[in-house]
Amino acid sequence: MANPDAALDALPDPQVRALLGRLHREADRQEKSVYLKFLDQLPRLALGRAIPWERFGHRLDDKFICLDRSQGVFCYLLARALGARRIVEFGTSFGVSTIYLALAVRENGGGRVIGTERVPAKAARARQHLREAGLLELVEIREGDATETLRDLEGPVDLLLCDGFPPAMLPVLKLVAPHIRPGGAVVSDNVGAFWADHSDFLAWVRDPANGFQSAMLAMNEGTELSVKVGAAASAGAAGQGAVACAS
């Protein structure tokens, strides 16, 4: 049987590899219970209907729901390729994906990962994991609604990881997009698994008028990769999201 942690061999730090292996195994053990949380939503998914996240989201407050190993390594390598020094993460959860991002920033010579998390207990545990990885000094986790906590974002952003609740994905993207530098990227999880919840998101990011080239990759049932190729056609396209919008 293949070693599920083999993908982690791409990471240069043995301490980080060991920690991520442990956290992914913990997340793996939760997988069945996470599926059970979605059991009563299967008819909606089968009919291509959106999930009522405002009533459903709290069921996942104690779950990892993190990127898988291959996605994490992909984000690490992408951040390294971009020379990323400033990364924004929507939906930090227990900090698994944040570790990949912060490791890349450290290897790139230093910088900042700005994470967002709506559940204080999750943010606390994420900081604990980052401290254990020796990466906490590179990360700022903003607690609360990301549409509020990211409003004062400054400086060019090299990479945005969108992995929060689907209803906020597009508002967060619109909020951060004006700060993403040309050549910067957006990685968006769960867009294939919950395509009905992300239809507006995909329509916006795939519209060339909004400044991105975008396609879905065959990772975790569908992960969108979007590259900033220019400014949006009008400032209003971005400004609309700033009023609207890890988690």
Protein backbone atom coordinates (compact mmCIF):
# COMPACT_ATOMS: atom_id res chain seq x y z
CA MET A 1 0.00 0.00 0.00
CA ALA A 2 1.38 3.42 -0.99
CA ASN A 3 2.57 5.70 1.79
CA PRO A 4 0.09 8.62 1.89
CA ASP A 5 2.81 10.87 3.33
CA ALA A 6 5.14 10.30 0.36
CA ALA A 7 4.11 13.63 -1.20
CA LEU A 8 5.53 15.40 1.86
CA ASP A 9 9.04 14.36 0.78
CA ALA A 10 9.01 17.48 -1.43
CA LEU A 11 9.23 19.62 1.71
CA PRO A 12 12.77 20.46 2.88
CA ASP A 13 12.15 20.58 6.65
CA PRO A 14 11.95 17.19 8.46
CA GLN A 15 10.30 18.76 11.53
CA VAL A 16 7.54 20.23 9.33
CA ARG A 17 7.14 16.96 7.40
CA ALA A 18 6.67 15.01 10.64
CA LEU A 19 4.13 17.49 12.00
CA LEU A 20 2.12 17.61 8.77
CA GLY A 21 2.10 13.81 8.58
CA ARG A 22 0.65 13.67 12.08
CA LEU A 23 -1.98 16.35 11.37
CA HIS A 24 -3.03 14.77 8.07
CA ARG A 25 -3.46 11.41 9.77
CA GLU A 26 -5.66 13.09 12.38
CA ALA A 27 -7.68 14.69 9.58
CA ASP A 28 -7.94 11.29 7.85
CA ARG A 29 -9.45 9.80 10.99
CA GLN A 30 -12.14 12.51 10.93
CA GLU A 31 -13.06 11.85 7.31
CA LYS A 32 -15.93 9.46 7.98
CA SER A 33 -17.52 11.75 10.58
CA VAL A 34 -17.26 14.69 8.15
CA TYR A 35 -19.07 12.69 5.47
CA LEU A 36 -21.78 11.84 8.00
CA LYS A 37 -22.28 15.57 8.64
CA PHE A 38 -23.20 15.94 4.95
CA LEU A 39 -25.52 12.91 4.86
CA ASP A 40 -28.76 14.91 5.04
CA GLN A 41 -27.45 17.22 2.30
CA LEU A 42 -26.95 14.46 -0.30
CA PRO A 43 -30.36 15.06 -1.98
CA ARG A 44 -29.41 18.72 -2.48
CA LEU A 45 -26.04 17.78 -3.92
CA ALA A 46 -27.63 15.20 -6.23
CA LEU A 47 -30.03 17.85 -7.55
CA GLY A 48 -27.23 20.38 -8.01
CA ARG A 49 -28.58 22.69 -5.34
CA ALA A 50 -26.56 24.83 -2.94
CA ILE A 51 -26.18 23.85 0.71
CA PRO A 52 -27.67 26.18 3.39
CA TRP A 53 -24.26 26.98 4.88
CA GLU A 54 -25.66 29.55 7.31
CA ARG A 55 -27.44 26.67 9.12
CA PHE A 56 -24.93 23.96 8.28
CA GLY A 57 -21.51 25.51 8.77
CA HIS A 58 -21.34 25.21 12.57
CA ARG A 59 -21.39 21.39 12.21
CA LEU A 60 -17.76 21.62 11.05
CA ASP A 61 -16.45 23.82 13.85
CA ASP A 62 -14.39 20.95 15.33
CA LYS A 63 -13.27 19.41 12.02
CA PHE A 64 -10.02 19.83 10.10
CA ILE A 65 -11.59 20.09 6.61
CA CYS A 66 -8.09 20.90 5.34
CA LEU A 67 -6.33 20.56 2.00
CA ASP A 68 -5.11 17.05 1.30
CA ARG A 69 -1.38 16.30 1.08
CA SER A 70 -1.10 16.72 -2.69
CA GLN A 71 -2.94 20.04 -2.59
CA GLY A 72 -0.75 21.26 0.26
CA VAL A 73 2.46 20.35 -1.58
CA PHE A 74 1.05 21.97 -4.74
CA CYS A 75 0.44 25.21 -2.82
CA TYR A 76 3.95 25.04 -1.33
CA LEU A 77 5.58 24.53 -4.74
CA LEU A 78 3.42 27.19 -6.38
CA ALA A 79 4.34 29.69 -3.67
CA ARG A 80 8.02 28.81 -4.15
CA ALA A 81 7.71 29.24 -7.94
CA LEU A 82 6.07 32.64 -7.45
CA GLY A 83 8.73 33.69 -4.94
CA ALA A 84 5.76 34.53 -2.72
CA ARG A 85 6.47 36.84 0.20
CA ARG A 86 2.88 37.87 0.94
CA ILE A 87 0.11 35.27 1.00
CA VAL A 88 -3.53 35.56 2.09
CA GLU A 89 -5.50 32.52 3.23
CA PHE A 90 -9.28 32.48 3.51
CA GLY A 91 -10.18 29.67 5.93
CA THR A 92 -7.21 28.78 8.16
CA SER A 93 -9.01 26.13 10.26
CA PHE A 94 -6.39 24.22 12.32
CA GLY A 95 -3.53 25.68 10.29
CA VAL A 96 -2.54 22.70 8.14
CA SER A 97 -2.52 24.60 4.84
CA THR A 98 -1.00 27.60 6.63
CA ILE A 99 2.06 25.50 7.48
CA TYR A 100 2.68 24.75 3.80
CA LEU A 101 2.31 28.43 2.91
CA ALA A 102 4.48 29.71 5.75
CA LEU A 103 7.21 27.18 4.95
CA ALA A 104 7.29 28.46 1.36
CA VAL A 105 7.48 32.07 2.55
CA ARG A 106 10.38 31.19 4.86
CA GLU A 107 12.20 29.39 2.04
CA ASN A 108 11.60 32.42 -0.19
CA GLY A 109 13.50 34.60 2.26
CA GLY A 110 10.73 35.70 4.62
CA GLY A 111 7.47 37.59 4.45
CA ARG A 112 3.93 37.23 5.78
CA VAL A 113 1.02 34.81 5.60
CA ILE A 114 -2.26 36.46 6.59
CA GLY A 115 -4.76 33.82 7.65
CA THR A 116 -8.44 34.21 8.48
CA GLU A 117 -10.54 32.08 10.83
CA ARG A 118 -14.02 32.70 12.22
CA VAL A 119 -13.81 30.10 15.05
CA PRO A 120 -11.52 31.31 17.89
CA ALA A 121 -10.77 27.77 19.12
CA LYS A 122 -9.58 26.80 15.65
CA ALA A 123 -7.40 29.91 15.39
CA ALA A 124 -5.82 29.07 18.77
CA ARG A 125 -5.03 25.54 17.68
CA ALA A 126 -3.65 26.79 14.36
CA ARG A 127 -1.22 29.05 16.24
CA GLN A 128 -0.19 26.08 18.39
CA HIS A 129 0.58 24.00 15.29
CA LEU A 130 2.48 26.85 13.65
CA ARG A 131 4.51 27.34 16.82
CA GLU A 132 5.35 23.63 16.78
CA ALA A 133 6.43 23.96 13.14
CA GLY A 134 8.67 26.91 14.01
CA LEU A 135 6.72 29.15 11.61
CA LEU A 136 4.46 31.24 13.84
CA GLU A 137 6.50 34.43 13.47
CA LEU A 138 5.68 34.43 9.74
CA VAL A 139 1.90 34.21 10.23
CA GLU A 140 -0.85 36.57 11.33
CA ILE A 141 -4.25 34.96 11.89
CA ARG A 142 -7.14 37.42 11.81
CA GLU A 143 -10.15 36.14 13.74
CA GLY A 144 -13.71 36.88 12.66
CA ASP A 145 -15.52 37.48 9.38
CA ALA A 146 -12.95 37.61 6.59
CA THR A 147 -15.02 40.17 4.70
CA GLU A 148 -14.27 42.51 7.60
CA THR A 149 -10.81 41.39 8.74
CA LEU A 150 -9.32 41.67 5.23
CA ARG A 151 -10.65 45.16 4.49
CA ASP A 152 -7.41 46.88 5.52
CA LEU A 153 -5.19 44.60 3.44
CA GLU A 154 -2.04 46.38 2.30
CA GLY A 155 0.72 45.71 -0.18
CA PRO A 156 0.80 43.40 -3.21
CA VAL A 157 -0.41 39.83 -2.65
CA ASP A 158 1.46 37.02 -4.42
CA LEU A 159 -0.97 34.19 -3.65
CA LEU A 160 -4.50 33.81 -2.29
CA LEU A 161 -5.71 30.45 -0.99
CA CYS A 162 -9.52 30.37 -0.94
CA ASP A 163 -10.66 27.51 1.30
CA GLY A 164 -13.46 28.96 3.40
CA PHE A 165 -17.24 28.55 3.35
CA PRO A 166 -18.61 28.75 -0.23
CA PRO A 167 -21.00 31.73 0.22
CA ALA A 168 -18.05 33.98 1.10
CA MET A 169 -15.63 32.74 -1.56
CA LEU A 170 -16.57 35.29 -4.23
CA PRO A 171 -16.90 38.26 -1.84
CA VAL A 172 -13.47 37.45 -0.38
CA LEU A 173 -11.95 37.09 -3.84
CA LYS A 174 -13.39 40.44 -4.91
CA LEU A 175 -12.02 42.00 -1.75
CA VAL A 176 -8.49 40.64 -2.24
CA ALA A 177 -8.28 40.68 -6.07
CA PRO A 178 -7.27 44.36 -6.39
CA HIS A 179 -4.22 43.61 -4.20
CA ILE A 180 -3.05 40.54 -6.16
CA ARG A 181 -0.06 41.44 -8.32
CA PRO A 182 0.04 40.60 -12.03
CA GLY A 183 1.36 37.05 -12.25
CA GLY A 184 0.00 36.27 -8.78
CA ALA A 185 -2.34 33.33 -8.29
CA VAL A 186 -5.49 32.16 -6.55
CA VAL A 187 -5.99 28.52 -5.49
CA SER A 188 -9.62 27.70 -4.67
CA ASP A 189 -10.60 24.43 -2.98
CA ASN A 190 -13.95 22.58 -3.07
CA VAL A 191 -15.21 24.21 -6.27
CA GLY A 192 -15.67 20.82 -7.92
CA ALA A 193 -17.11 19.02 -4.90
CA PHE A 194 -19.70 21.80 -4.31
CA TRP A 195 -20.04 23.21 -7.81
CA ALA A 196 -23.57 24.56 -7.26
CA ASP A 197 -22.29 26.65 -4.34
CA HIS A 198 -19.45 28.07 -6.45
CA SER A 199 -21.19 28.81 -9.77
CA ASP A 200 -21.05 32.60 -9.28
CA PHE A 201 -17.45 32.36 -8.07
CA LEU A 202 -16.37 30.39 -11.14
CA ALA A 203 -18.28 32.65 -13.53
CA TRP A 204 -16.55 35.71 -12.08
CA VAL A 205 -12.99 34.38 -11.93
CA ARG A 206 -13.26 32.90 -15.45
CA ASP A 207 -14.50 36.16 -16.96
CA PRO A 208 -11.41 37.76 -18.59
CA ALA A 209 -12.85 41.20 -17.82
CA ASN A 210 -12.01 40.57 -14.16
CA GLY A 211 -8.30 40.14 -14.86
CA PHE A 212 -7.76 36.37 -14.41
CA GLN A 213 -7.12 33.30 -16.52
CA SER A 214 -8.57 30.31 -14.71
CA ALA A 215 -9.12 26.56 -14.98
CA MET A 216 -10.06 23.62 -12.77
CA LEU A 217 -7.36 21.11 -11.86
CA ALA A 218 -8.03 17.45 -11.08
CA MET A 219 -7.23 17.66 -7.36
CA ASN A 220 -9.70 16.84 -4.58
CA GLU A 221 -12.70 16.58 -6.94
CA GLY A 222 -11.79 19.91 -8.55
CA THR A 223 -9.48 22.73 -7.42
CA GLU A 224 -9.49 26.00 -9.36
CA LEU A 225 -6.19 27.69 -10.28
CA SER A 226 -6.47 31.32 -11.37
CA VAL A 227 -3.63 33.60 -12.50
CA LYS A 228 -3.84 37.40 -12.38
CA VAL A 229 -3.01 38.63 -15.87
CA GLY A 230 -4.05 42.26 -15.54
CA ALA A 231 -6.25 44.78 -13.80
CA ALA A 232 -10.02 44.31 -13.81
CA ALA A 233 -11.85 46.09 -16.61
CA SER A 234 -13.26 48.60 -14.14
CA ALA A 235 -12.58 49.56 -10.55
CA GLY A 236 -16.27 48.98 -9.88
CA ALA A 237 -15.88 45.24 -10.46
CA ALA A 238 -13.55 45.01 -7.48
CA GLY A 239 -15.17 47.69 -5.38
CA GLN A 240 -18.50 45.88 -5.44
CA GLY A 241 -16.97 42.96 -3.56
CA ALA A 242 -15.38 45.17 -0.95
CA VAL A 243 -18.83 46.10 0.30
CA ALA A 244 -20.18 42.63 -0.02
CA CYS A 245 -17.84 39.46 1.21
CA ALA A 246 -10.18 30.09 5.73
CA SER A 247 -14.00 32.10 8.05
